[in-house]
Amino acid sequence: MNVVNTPLPGVLLLEPKVFGDERGFFFESFNQQAFEKATGLDMPFVQDNHSRSAKGVLRGIHYQIQHTQGKLVRVVKGRVFDVAVDLRRSSAHFGRWFGIELSDTNHRQLWVPPGFGHGFLTISESADFLYKTTDYYAPAHERCIAWDDPTLAINWPLEGLQPALSAKDQQGRLLGEAETFA
């Protein structure tokens, strides 16, 4: 596994070693020992989630203010533009974001540490998105930053389309009004 640092310290791009030929491919999508060795992180993953989204669906920017979650995210079908946002007020990178395409062909994974918000936009006809979390879903502590917050100015590849949002995501708060991390 190759680990690539991103402009946001702590957010890591993981590139697995893929073995393929004319029959298809094989790669180890997760191995706790390899993850720890490559990243230096000893994270207990407690929950796996799977979502399917149609083209233009935008999910996020989500985080949990308590029971904070680290997320290891990947796409097994289709393509998404995946985004991590630093929500730690004490960080020199507070309010900065990093975005990258994850797909079923590049097999990349993104590690989004606790203290960061996370969201993605489906850019293929549909996408199956998998993610491991380091804590359980706690709806009472879930928060959402507005996907179009002008302070963040995330460059979503919308190509002129209006994103499809859940009712929860339509209620996302601006960063300056949101509950964030110390």
N, C-alpha and C. Protein backbone atom coordinates (compact mmCIF):
# COMPACT_ATOMS: atom_id res chain seq x y z
N MET A 1 0.84 -1.17 0.00
CA MET A 1 0.00 0.00 0.00
C MET A 1 0.89 1.24 0.00
N ASN A 2 0.52 2.18 -0.85
CA ASN A 2 1.23 3.44 -0.91
C ASN A 2 0.39 4.49 -0.19
N VAL A 3 1.00 5.24 0.72
CA VAL A 3 0.30 6.29 1.46
C VAL A 3 0.81 7.64 0.96
N VAL A 4 -0.14 8.50 0.56
CA VAL A 4 0.18 9.82 0.04
C VAL A 4 -0.37 10.86 1.00
N ASN A 5 0.50 11.75 1.49
CA ASN A 5 0.03 12.85 2.32
C ASN A 5 -0.71 13.86 1.45
N THR A 6 -1.73 14.48 2.00
CA THR A 6 -2.50 15.49 1.29
C THR A 6 -2.15 16.86 1.87
N PRO A 7 -2.64 17.94 1.28
CA PRO A 7 -2.38 19.27 1.85
C PRO A 7 -2.97 19.47 3.25
N LEU A 8 -3.89 18.59 3.68
CA LEU A 8 -4.44 18.65 5.03
C LEU A 8 -3.74 17.61 5.89
N PRO A 9 -2.89 18.03 6.81
CA PRO A 9 -2.19 17.06 7.66
C PRO A 9 -3.18 16.13 8.35
N GLY A 10 -2.88 14.84 8.27
CA GLY A 10 -3.73 13.82 8.87
C GLY A 10 -4.66 13.15 7.88
N VAL A 11 -5.05 13.85 6.82
CA VAL A 11 -5.88 13.26 5.75
C VAL A 11 -4.93 12.56 4.80
N LEU A 12 -5.15 11.25 4.62
CA LEU A 12 -4.22 10.43 3.84
C LEU A 12 -4.92 9.77 2.68
N LEU A 13 -4.25 9.71 1.55
CA LEU A 13 -4.72 8.98 0.38
C LEU A 13 -3.99 7.64 0.36
N LEU A 14 -4.76 6.56 0.33
CA LEU A 14 -4.18 5.21 0.33
C LEU A 14 -4.36 4.59 -1.04
N GLU A 15 -3.28 4.09 -1.60
CA GLU A 15 -3.31 3.45 -2.90
C GLU A 15 -2.89 1.99 -2.73
N PRO A 16 -3.85 1.07 -2.86
CA PRO A 16 -3.50 -0.34 -2.65
C PRO A 16 -2.71 -0.90 -3.82
N LYS A 17 -2.01 -1.98 -3.55
CA LYS A 17 -1.31 -2.71 -4.61
C LYS A 17 -2.36 -3.60 -5.28
N VAL A 18 -2.59 -3.37 -6.56
CA VAL A 18 -3.62 -4.10 -7.31
C VAL A 18 -2.92 -5.08 -8.25
N PHE A 19 -3.39 -6.32 -8.21
CA PHE A 19 -2.87 -7.36 -9.08
C PHE A 19 -3.94 -7.66 -10.11
N GLY A 20 -3.62 -7.46 -11.39
CA GLY A 20 -4.63 -7.67 -12.42
C GLY A 20 -4.08 -8.23 -13.69
N ASP A 21 -4.95 -8.84 -14.44
CA ASP A 21 -4.65 -9.33 -15.79
C ASP A 21 -5.95 -9.33 -16.58
N GLU A 22 -5.96 -10.03 -17.72
CA GLU A 22 -7.14 -10.03 -18.57
C GLU A 22 -8.38 -10.63 -17.89
N ARG A 23 -8.18 -11.37 -16.81
CA ARG A 23 -9.31 -11.99 -16.10
C ARG A 23 -9.99 -11.04 -15.11
N GLY A 24 -9.26 -10.01 -14.69
CA GLY A 24 -9.80 -9.09 -13.69
C GLY A 24 -8.70 -8.62 -12.77
N PHE A 25 -9.03 -8.39 -11.51
CA PHE A 25 -8.05 -7.90 -10.57
C PHE A 25 -8.31 -8.44 -9.18
N PHE A 26 -7.30 -8.26 -8.32
CA PHE A 26 -7.41 -8.59 -6.90
C PHE A 26 -6.61 -7.55 -6.14
N PHE A 27 -7.15 -7.10 -5.01
CA PHE A 27 -6.37 -6.32 -4.07
C PHE A 27 -6.97 -6.49 -2.69
N GLU A 28 -6.12 -6.30 -1.71
CA GLU A 28 -6.55 -6.38 -0.32
C GLU A 28 -7.13 -5.02 0.03
N SER A 29 -8.44 -4.95 0.25
CA SER A 29 -9.07 -3.65 0.49
C SER A 29 -8.83 -3.15 1.91
N PHE A 30 -8.61 -4.06 2.85
CA PHE A 30 -8.25 -3.63 4.19
C PHE A 30 -7.53 -4.76 4.92
N ASN A 31 -6.47 -4.37 5.60
CA ASN A 31 -5.71 -5.28 6.46
C ASN A 31 -5.24 -4.41 7.63
N GLN A 32 -5.70 -4.71 8.83
CA GLN A 32 -5.40 -3.88 9.99
C GLN A 32 -3.89 -3.69 10.19
N GLN A 33 -3.12 -4.78 10.08
CA GLN A 33 -1.68 -4.68 10.27
C GLN A 33 -1.03 -3.80 9.21
N ALA A 34 -1.43 -3.98 7.95
CA ALA A 34 -0.86 -3.19 6.86
C ALA A 34 -1.25 -1.71 7.01
N PHE A 35 -2.49 -1.46 7.42
CA PHE A 35 -2.95 -0.08 7.63
C PHE A 35 -2.11 0.59 8.72
N GLU A 36 -1.94 -0.10 9.85
CA GLU A 36 -1.15 0.46 10.95
C GLU A 36 0.30 0.70 10.54
N LYS A 37 0.88 -0.25 9.84
CA LYS A 37 2.28 -0.12 9.42
C LYS A 37 2.45 1.04 8.43
N ALA A 38 1.55 1.16 7.47
CA ALA A 38 1.67 2.17 6.44
C ALA A 38 1.35 3.58 6.95
N THR A 39 0.40 3.69 7.88
CA THR A 39 -0.06 5.01 8.31
C THR A 39 0.45 5.42 9.69
N GLY A 40 0.87 4.43 10.49
CA GLY A 40 1.24 4.72 11.86
C GLY A 40 0.04 4.90 12.77
N LEU A 41 -1.16 4.57 12.28
CA LEU A 41 -2.40 4.76 13.03
C LEU A 41 -2.93 3.43 13.54
N ASP A 42 -3.26 3.41 14.81
CA ASP A 42 -3.89 2.24 15.42
C ASP A 42 -5.34 2.62 15.70
N MET A 43 -6.20 2.45 14.72
CA MET A 43 -7.60 2.87 14.81
C MET A 43 -8.52 1.67 14.90
N PRO A 44 -9.41 1.68 15.87
CA PRO A 44 -10.39 0.59 15.96
C PRO A 44 -11.57 0.88 15.04
N PHE A 45 -11.73 0.12 14.00
CA PHE A 45 -12.90 0.30 13.13
C PHE A 45 -14.04 -0.54 13.70
N VAL A 46 -15.19 0.09 13.92
CA VAL A 46 -16.31 -0.57 14.60
C VAL A 46 -17.55 -0.72 13.72
N GLN A 47 -17.58 -0.05 12.59
CA GLN A 47 -18.79 -0.08 11.77
C GLN A 47 -18.41 0.08 10.31
N ASP A 48 -19.03 -0.70 9.43
CA ASP A 48 -18.89 -0.55 7.98
C ASP A 48 -20.22 -0.07 7.43
N ASN A 49 -20.16 0.90 6.50
CA ASN A 49 -21.36 1.44 5.88
C ASN A 49 -21.25 1.36 4.36
N HIS A 50 -22.39 1.25 3.71
CA HIS A 50 -22.45 1.15 2.25
C HIS A 50 -23.60 2.04 1.79
N SER A 51 -23.32 2.96 0.90
CA SER A 51 -24.39 3.78 0.32
C SER A 51 -24.32 3.70 -1.19
N ARG A 52 -25.46 3.84 -1.82
CA ARG A 52 -25.55 3.93 -3.28
C ARG A 52 -26.21 5.26 -3.60
N SER A 53 -25.62 5.97 -4.54
CA SER A 53 -26.13 7.28 -4.90
C SER A 53 -26.18 7.44 -6.42
N ALA A 54 -27.20 8.13 -6.89
CA ALA A 54 -27.34 8.44 -8.31
C ALA A 54 -26.46 9.64 -8.65
N LYS A 55 -26.25 9.85 -9.94
CA LYS A 55 -25.45 10.98 -10.41
C LYS A 55 -26.03 12.29 -9.87
N GLY A 56 -25.14 13.14 -9.39
CA GLY A 56 -25.55 14.45 -8.89
C GLY A 56 -25.94 14.47 -7.43
N VAL A 57 -25.99 13.30 -6.77
CA VAL A 57 -26.29 13.28 -5.34
C VAL A 57 -25.06 13.78 -4.59
N LEU A 58 -25.30 14.73 -3.70
CA LEU A 58 -24.24 15.26 -2.86
C LEU A 58 -24.60 14.95 -1.41
N ARG A 59 -23.71 14.28 -0.72
CA ARG A 59 -23.92 13.92 0.69
C ARG A 59 -22.87 14.64 1.52
N GLY A 60 -23.33 15.40 2.51
CA GLY A 60 -22.40 16.07 3.41
C GLY A 60 -22.61 17.56 3.41
N ILE A 61 -21.78 18.15 4.15
CA ILE A 61 -20.55 17.79 4.83
C ILE A 61 -20.92 17.30 6.24
N HIS A 62 -20.71 16.03 6.55
CA HIS A 62 -21.16 15.42 7.80
C HIS A 62 -20.01 15.22 8.79
N TYR A 63 -20.37 15.25 10.07
CA TYR A 63 -19.44 14.92 11.16
C TYR A 63 -20.26 14.74 12.43
N GLN A 64 -19.64 14.15 13.43
CA GLN A 64 -20.26 13.98 14.74
C GLN A 64 -19.45 14.77 15.76
N ILE A 65 -20.12 15.67 16.47
CA ILE A 65 -19.44 16.55 17.42
C ILE A 65 -18.98 15.79 18.66
N GLN A 66 -19.69 14.75 19.04
CA GLN A 66 -19.25 13.80 20.07
C GLN A 66 -19.28 12.43 19.41
N HIS A 67 -18.60 11.47 20.00
CA HIS A 67 -18.44 10.17 19.35
C HIS A 67 -17.87 10.39 17.95
N THR A 68 -16.83 11.21 17.90
CA THR A 68 -16.23 11.58 16.62
C THR A 68 -15.78 10.35 15.86
N GLN A 69 -15.92 10.43 14.57
CA GLN A 69 -15.59 9.29 13.72
C GLN A 69 -14.43 9.61 12.79
N GLY A 70 -13.46 8.71 12.75
CA GLY A 70 -12.54 8.67 11.65
C GLY A 70 -13.19 7.80 10.59
N LYS A 71 -12.96 8.11 9.31
CA LYS A 71 -13.58 7.34 8.24
C LYS A 71 -12.53 6.94 7.21
N LEU A 72 -12.57 5.68 6.83
CA LEU A 72 -11.76 5.17 5.73
C LEU A 72 -12.74 4.87 4.61
N VAL A 73 -12.68 5.68 3.53
CA VAL A 73 -13.72 5.66 2.51
C VAL A 73 -13.17 5.18 1.17
N ARG A 74 -14.05 4.52 0.39
CA ARG A 74 -13.67 4.07 -0.95
C ARG A 74 -14.91 3.85 -1.79
N VAL A 75 -14.72 3.74 -3.08
CA VAL A 75 -15.80 3.51 -4.04
C VAL A 75 -15.58 2.15 -4.68
N VAL A 76 -16.64 1.31 -4.70
CA VAL A 76 -16.53 0.00 -5.33
C VAL A 76 -17.26 -0.06 -6.67
N LYS A 77 -18.07 0.95 -6.96
CA LYS A 77 -18.73 1.05 -8.27
C LYS A 77 -18.96 2.51 -8.56
N GLY A 78 -18.46 2.97 -9.71
CA GLY A 78 -18.67 4.35 -10.12
C GLY A 78 -17.55 5.28 -9.69
N ARG A 79 -17.91 6.59 -9.63
CA ARG A 79 -16.93 7.64 -9.32
C ARG A 79 -17.58 8.69 -8.44
N VAL A 80 -16.82 9.18 -7.47
CA VAL A 80 -17.26 10.30 -6.65
C VAL A 80 -16.14 11.31 -6.52
N PHE A 81 -16.53 12.55 -6.24
CA PHE A 81 -15.58 13.57 -5.81
C PHE A 81 -15.73 13.63 -4.31
N ASP A 82 -14.68 13.22 -3.60
CA ASP A 82 -14.72 13.07 -2.15
C ASP A 82 -14.00 14.23 -1.48
N VAL A 83 -14.57 14.74 -0.38
CA VAL A 83 -14.05 15.95 0.26
C VAL A 83 -13.92 15.75 1.76
N ALA A 84 -12.79 16.21 2.31
CA ALA A 84 -12.56 16.29 3.75
C ALA A 84 -12.35 17.76 4.10
N VAL A 85 -12.94 18.20 5.22
CA VAL A 85 -12.84 19.59 5.66
C VAL A 85 -12.34 19.61 7.10
N ASP A 86 -11.29 20.38 7.37
CA ASP A 86 -10.76 20.50 8.72
C ASP A 86 -11.69 21.38 9.55
N LEU A 87 -12.27 20.80 10.60
CA LEU A 87 -13.22 21.52 11.46
C LEU A 87 -12.67 21.72 12.87
N ARG A 88 -11.36 21.66 13.01
CA ARG A 88 -10.70 21.86 14.31
C ARG A 88 -10.25 23.32 14.41
N ARG A 89 -10.91 24.11 15.26
CA ARG A 89 -10.59 25.54 15.38
C ARG A 89 -9.13 25.78 15.76
N SER A 90 -8.52 24.86 16.49
CA SER A 90 -7.13 25.02 16.91
C SER A 90 -6.14 24.71 15.78
N SER A 91 -6.62 24.22 14.68
CA SER A 91 -5.75 23.83 13.56
C SER A 91 -5.42 25.03 12.68
N ALA A 92 -4.19 25.08 12.20
CA ALA A 92 -3.79 26.11 11.24
C ALA A 92 -4.53 25.94 9.91
N HIS A 93 -5.16 24.78 9.72
CA HIS A 93 -5.87 24.48 8.48
C HIS A 93 -7.38 24.53 8.64
N PHE A 94 -7.86 25.09 9.75
CA PHE A 94 -9.30 25.17 10.01
C PHE A 94 -10.02 25.78 8.81
N GLY A 95 -11.09 25.10 8.37
CA GLY A 95 -11.89 25.61 7.26
C GLY A 95 -11.33 25.29 5.89
N ARG A 96 -10.20 24.63 5.81
CA ARG A 96 -9.64 24.24 4.51
C ARG A 96 -10.17 22.87 4.14
N TRP A 97 -10.22 22.62 2.84
CA TRP A 97 -10.75 21.35 2.35
C TRP A 97 -9.77 20.72 1.38
N PHE A 98 -9.93 19.42 1.22
CA PHE A 98 -9.19 18.65 0.23
C PHE A 98 -10.19 17.77 -0.49
N GLY A 99 -10.13 17.74 -1.81
CA GLY A 99 -11.03 16.90 -2.59
C GLY A 99 -10.27 16.10 -3.62
N ILE A 100 -10.77 14.89 -3.87
CA ILE A 100 -10.13 14.00 -4.84
C ILE A 100 -11.16 13.02 -5.39
N GLU A 101 -10.93 12.56 -6.62
CA GLU A 101 -11.81 11.55 -7.19
C GLU A 101 -11.44 10.17 -6.66
N LEU A 102 -12.45 9.47 -6.18
CA LEU A 102 -12.32 8.06 -5.81
C LEU A 102 -13.19 7.28 -6.78
N SER A 103 -12.70 6.12 -7.25
CA SER A 103 -13.47 5.37 -8.23
C SER A 103 -13.19 3.88 -8.14
N ASP A 104 -14.01 3.13 -8.86
CA ASP A 104 -13.82 1.69 -8.92
C ASP A 104 -12.64 1.31 -9.81
N THR A 105 -12.08 2.27 -10.51
CA THR A 105 -10.92 1.96 -11.35
C THR A 105 -9.61 2.41 -10.71
N ASN A 106 -9.62 3.48 -9.90
CA ASN A 106 -8.35 3.88 -9.27
C ASN A 106 -8.16 3.21 -7.90
N HIS A 107 -9.22 2.63 -7.34
CA HIS A 107 -9.16 1.85 -6.09
C HIS A 107 -8.60 2.62 -4.90
N ARG A 108 -8.51 3.93 -5.02
CA ARG A 108 -7.98 4.73 -3.92
C ARG A 108 -8.93 4.73 -2.73
N GLN A 109 -8.35 4.95 -1.55
CA GLN A 109 -9.12 5.14 -0.33
C GLN A 109 -8.64 6.43 0.31
N LEU A 110 -9.54 7.08 1.03
CA LEU A 110 -9.17 8.29 1.73
C LEU A 110 -9.42 8.09 3.22
N TRP A 111 -8.41 8.41 4.02
CA TRP A 111 -8.55 8.40 5.48
C TRP A 111 -8.92 9.82 5.90
N VAL A 112 -10.10 9.94 6.52
CA VAL A 112 -10.60 11.21 7.03
C VAL A 112 -10.60 11.10 8.55
N PRO A 113 -9.67 11.77 9.24
CA PRO A 113 -9.55 11.60 10.68
C PRO A 113 -10.69 12.24 11.47
N PRO A 114 -10.85 11.86 12.73
CA PRO A 114 -11.79 12.56 13.60
C PRO A 114 -11.43 14.06 13.62
N GLY A 115 -12.44 14.91 13.73
CA GLY A 115 -12.21 16.35 13.71
C GLY A 115 -12.38 16.96 12.34
N PHE A 116 -12.68 16.12 11.35
CA PHE A 116 -12.88 16.58 9.98
C PHE A 116 -14.33 16.29 9.56
N GLY A 117 -14.87 17.16 8.71
CA GLY A 117 -16.14 16.88 8.06
C GLY A 117 -15.87 16.11 6.79
N HIS A 118 -16.90 15.44 6.30
CA HIS A 118 -16.75 14.61 5.11
C HIS A 118 -17.99 14.72 4.23
N GLY A 119 -17.76 14.74 2.92
CA GLY A 119 -18.86 14.72 1.97
C GLY A 119 -18.39 14.21 0.63
N PHE A 120 -19.36 13.89 -0.23
CA PHE A 120 -18.99 13.48 -1.58
C PHE A 120 -20.12 13.78 -2.56
N LEU A 121 -19.72 13.91 -3.81
CA LEU A 121 -20.63 14.14 -4.94
C LEU A 121 -20.46 12.99 -5.91
N THR A 122 -21.57 12.36 -6.29
CA THR A 122 -21.51 11.28 -7.28
C THR A 122 -21.37 11.90 -8.66
N ILE A 123 -20.32 11.51 -9.38
CA ILE A 123 -20.06 12.08 -10.71
C ILE A 123 -20.23 11.06 -11.83
N SER A 124 -20.53 9.81 -11.49
CA SER A 124 -20.88 8.80 -12.50
C SER A 124 -22.39 8.59 -12.44
N GLU A 125 -22.94 7.74 -13.29
CA GLU A 125 -24.39 7.51 -13.31
C GLU A 125 -24.90 7.04 -11.95
N SER A 126 -24.10 6.27 -11.25
CA SER A 126 -24.38 5.89 -9.86
C SER A 126 -23.05 5.51 -9.24
N ALA A 127 -23.04 5.42 -7.91
CA ALA A 127 -21.82 5.02 -7.22
C ALA A 127 -22.18 4.27 -5.95
N ASP A 128 -21.43 3.20 -5.70
CA ASP A 128 -21.51 2.48 -4.43
C ASP A 128 -20.29 2.88 -3.62
N PHE A 129 -20.56 3.41 -2.44
CA PHE A 129 -19.56 4.03 -1.59
C PHE A 129 -19.50 3.25 -0.29
N LEU A 130 -18.30 2.79 0.09
CA LEU A 130 -18.11 2.04 1.33
C LEU A 130 -17.22 2.84 2.27
N TYR A 131 -17.55 2.77 3.57
CA TYR A 131 -16.66 3.39 4.53
C TYR A 131 -16.71 2.71 5.87
N LYS A 132 -15.52 2.66 6.47
CA LYS A 132 -15.32 2.11 7.80
C LYS A 132 -15.26 3.30 8.76
N THR A 133 -15.85 3.16 9.96
CA THR A 133 -15.81 4.24 10.94
C THR A 133 -15.19 3.76 12.25
N THR A 134 -14.59 4.70 12.97
CA THR A 134 -13.93 4.39 14.23
C THR A 134 -14.84 4.55 15.43
N ASP A 135 -16.06 5.01 15.23
CA ASP A 135 -17.06 5.05 16.29
C ASP A 135 -18.41 4.84 15.64
N TYR A 136 -19.38 4.52 16.46
CA TYR A 136 -20.72 4.21 15.96
C TYR A 136 -21.48 5.48 15.59
N TYR A 137 -22.43 5.32 14.70
CA TYR A 137 -23.31 6.42 14.32
C TYR A 137 -24.09 6.88 15.54
N ALA A 138 -24.06 8.18 15.80
CA ALA A 138 -24.75 8.77 16.95
C ALA A 138 -25.57 9.95 16.45
N PRO A 139 -26.81 9.71 16.02
CA PRO A 139 -27.61 10.76 15.39
C PRO A 139 -27.77 12.02 16.24
N ALA A 140 -27.78 11.90 17.56
CA ALA A 140 -27.93 13.09 18.41
C ALA A 140 -26.72 14.02 18.30
N HIS A 141 -25.58 13.49 17.86
CA HIS A 141 -24.35 14.28 17.78
C HIS A 141 -23.95 14.60 16.34
N GLU A 142 -24.77 14.19 15.39
CA GLU A 142 -24.45 14.44 13.99
C GLU A 142 -24.69 15.90 13.65
N ARG A 143 -23.77 16.45 12.88
CA ARG A 143 -23.88 17.83 12.42
C ARG A 143 -23.62 17.86 10.92
N CYS A 144 -24.00 18.97 10.30
CA CYS A 144 -23.83 19.12 8.84
C CYS A 144 -23.46 20.56 8.52
N ILE A 145 -22.41 20.72 7.76
CA ILE A 145 -22.02 22.03 7.22
C ILE A 145 -22.60 22.12 5.81
N ALA A 146 -23.08 23.29 5.44
CA ALA A 146 -23.65 23.50 4.12
C ALA A 146 -22.61 23.21 3.03
N TRP A 147 -23.03 22.42 2.07
CA TRP A 147 -22.13 22.01 0.98
C TRP A 147 -21.62 23.21 0.18
N ASP A 148 -22.41 24.28 0.15
CA ASP A 148 -22.07 25.46 -0.66
C ASP A 148 -21.64 26.64 0.19
N ASP A 149 -21.14 26.38 1.40
CA ASP A 149 -20.68 27.45 2.28
C ASP A 149 -19.64 28.30 1.54
N PRO A 150 -19.88 29.61 1.42
CA PRO A 150 -18.94 30.46 0.68
C PRO A 150 -17.57 30.60 1.37
N THR A 151 -17.53 30.40 2.67
CA THR A 151 -16.24 30.45 3.37
C THR A 151 -15.36 29.28 2.96
N LEU A 152 -15.97 28.11 2.83
CA LEU A 152 -15.22 26.93 2.39
C LEU A 152 -14.89 27.00 0.91
N ALA A 153 -15.85 27.46 0.11
CA ALA A 153 -15.68 27.59 -1.35
C ALA A 153 -15.16 26.29 -1.98
N ILE A 154 -15.83 25.19 -1.67
CA ILE A 154 -15.44 23.90 -2.25
C ILE A 154 -15.75 23.91 -3.74
N ASN A 155 -14.79 23.49 -4.52
CA ASN A 155 -14.94 23.48 -5.97
C ASN A 155 -15.53 22.14 -6.42
N TRP A 156 -16.83 21.95 -6.14
CA TRP A 156 -17.52 20.72 -6.53
C TRP A 156 -17.61 20.67 -8.06
N PRO A 157 -17.32 19.53 -8.68
CA PRO A 157 -17.42 19.42 -10.15
C PRO A 157 -18.87 19.18 -10.60
N LEU A 158 -19.69 20.20 -10.45
CA LEU A 158 -21.13 20.08 -10.73
C LEU A 158 -21.47 20.22 -12.21
N GLU A 159 -20.59 20.82 -12.98
CA GLU A 159 -20.81 21.00 -14.42
C GLU A 159 -22.17 21.62 -14.70
N GLY A 160 -22.53 22.65 -13.90
CA GLY A 160 -23.77 23.38 -14.12
C GLY A 160 -25.01 22.75 -13.52
N LEU A 161 -24.89 21.58 -12.93
CA LEU A 161 -26.05 20.91 -12.35
C LEU A 161 -26.28 21.35 -10.91
N GLN A 162 -27.53 21.32 -10.49
CA GLN A 162 -27.87 21.55 -9.10
C GLN A 162 -27.80 20.19 -8.40
N PRO A 163 -27.07 20.08 -7.29
CA PRO A 163 -26.94 18.77 -6.65
C PRO A 163 -28.24 18.32 -6.00
N ALA A 164 -28.43 17.01 -5.94
CA ALA A 164 -29.57 16.42 -5.23
C ALA A 164 -29.15 16.24 -3.78
N LEU A 165 -29.91 16.85 -2.86
CA LEU A 165 -29.59 16.85 -1.43
C LEU A 165 -30.69 16.21 -0.62
N SER A 166 -30.32 15.56 0.48
CA SER A 166 -31.32 15.07 1.43
C SER A 166 -31.89 16.27 2.18
N ALA A 167 -33.01 16.05 2.86
CA ALA A 167 -33.60 17.11 3.68
C ALA A 167 -32.60 17.57 4.74
N LYS A 168 -31.87 16.62 5.33
CA LYS A 168 -30.86 16.95 6.35
C LYS A 168 -29.77 17.84 5.75
N ASP A 169 -29.30 17.48 4.56
CA ASP A 169 -28.22 18.25 3.96
C ASP A 169 -28.70 19.63 3.49
N GLN A 170 -29.97 19.78 3.18
CA GLN A 170 -30.52 21.09 2.84
C GLN A 170 -30.49 22.04 4.03
N GLN A 171 -30.43 21.48 5.23
CA GLN A 171 -30.41 22.27 6.46
C GLN A 171 -28.99 22.51 6.99
N GLY A 172 -27.98 22.18 6.20
CA GLY A 172 -26.60 22.36 6.65
C GLY A 172 -26.33 23.80 7.07
N ARG A 173 -25.51 23.96 8.09
CA ARG A 173 -25.21 25.27 8.63
C ARG A 173 -23.93 25.84 7.99
N LEU A 174 -23.81 27.13 8.00
CA LEU A 174 -22.58 27.77 7.56
C LEU A 174 -21.48 27.51 8.59
N LEU A 175 -20.26 27.44 8.14
CA LEU A 175 -19.15 27.14 9.02
C LEU A 175 -19.11 28.10 10.22
N GLY A 176 -19.32 29.38 9.98
CA GLY A 176 -19.25 30.37 11.06
C GLY A 176 -20.33 30.21 12.12
N GLU A 177 -21.40 29.47 11.80
CA GLU A 177 -22.51 29.26 12.73
C GLU A 177 -22.52 27.85 13.31
N ALA A 178 -21.69 26.99 12.79
CA ALA A 178 -21.73 25.58 13.13
C ALA A 178 -20.94 25.27 14.38
N GLU A 179 -21.38 24.22 15.06
CA GLU A 179 -20.62 23.69 16.19
C GLU A 179 -19.45 22.90 15.60
N THR A 180 -18.24 23.27 15.99
CA THR A 180 -17.05 22.62 15.46
C THR A 180 -16.21 22.10 16.64
N PHE A 181 -15.00 21.67 16.34
CA PHE A 181 -14.12 21.09 17.35
C PHE A 181 -13.15 22.14 17.89
N ALA A 182 -12.69 21.95 19.11
CA ALA A 182 -11.73 22.88 19.74
C ALA A 182 -10.41 22.89 18.99
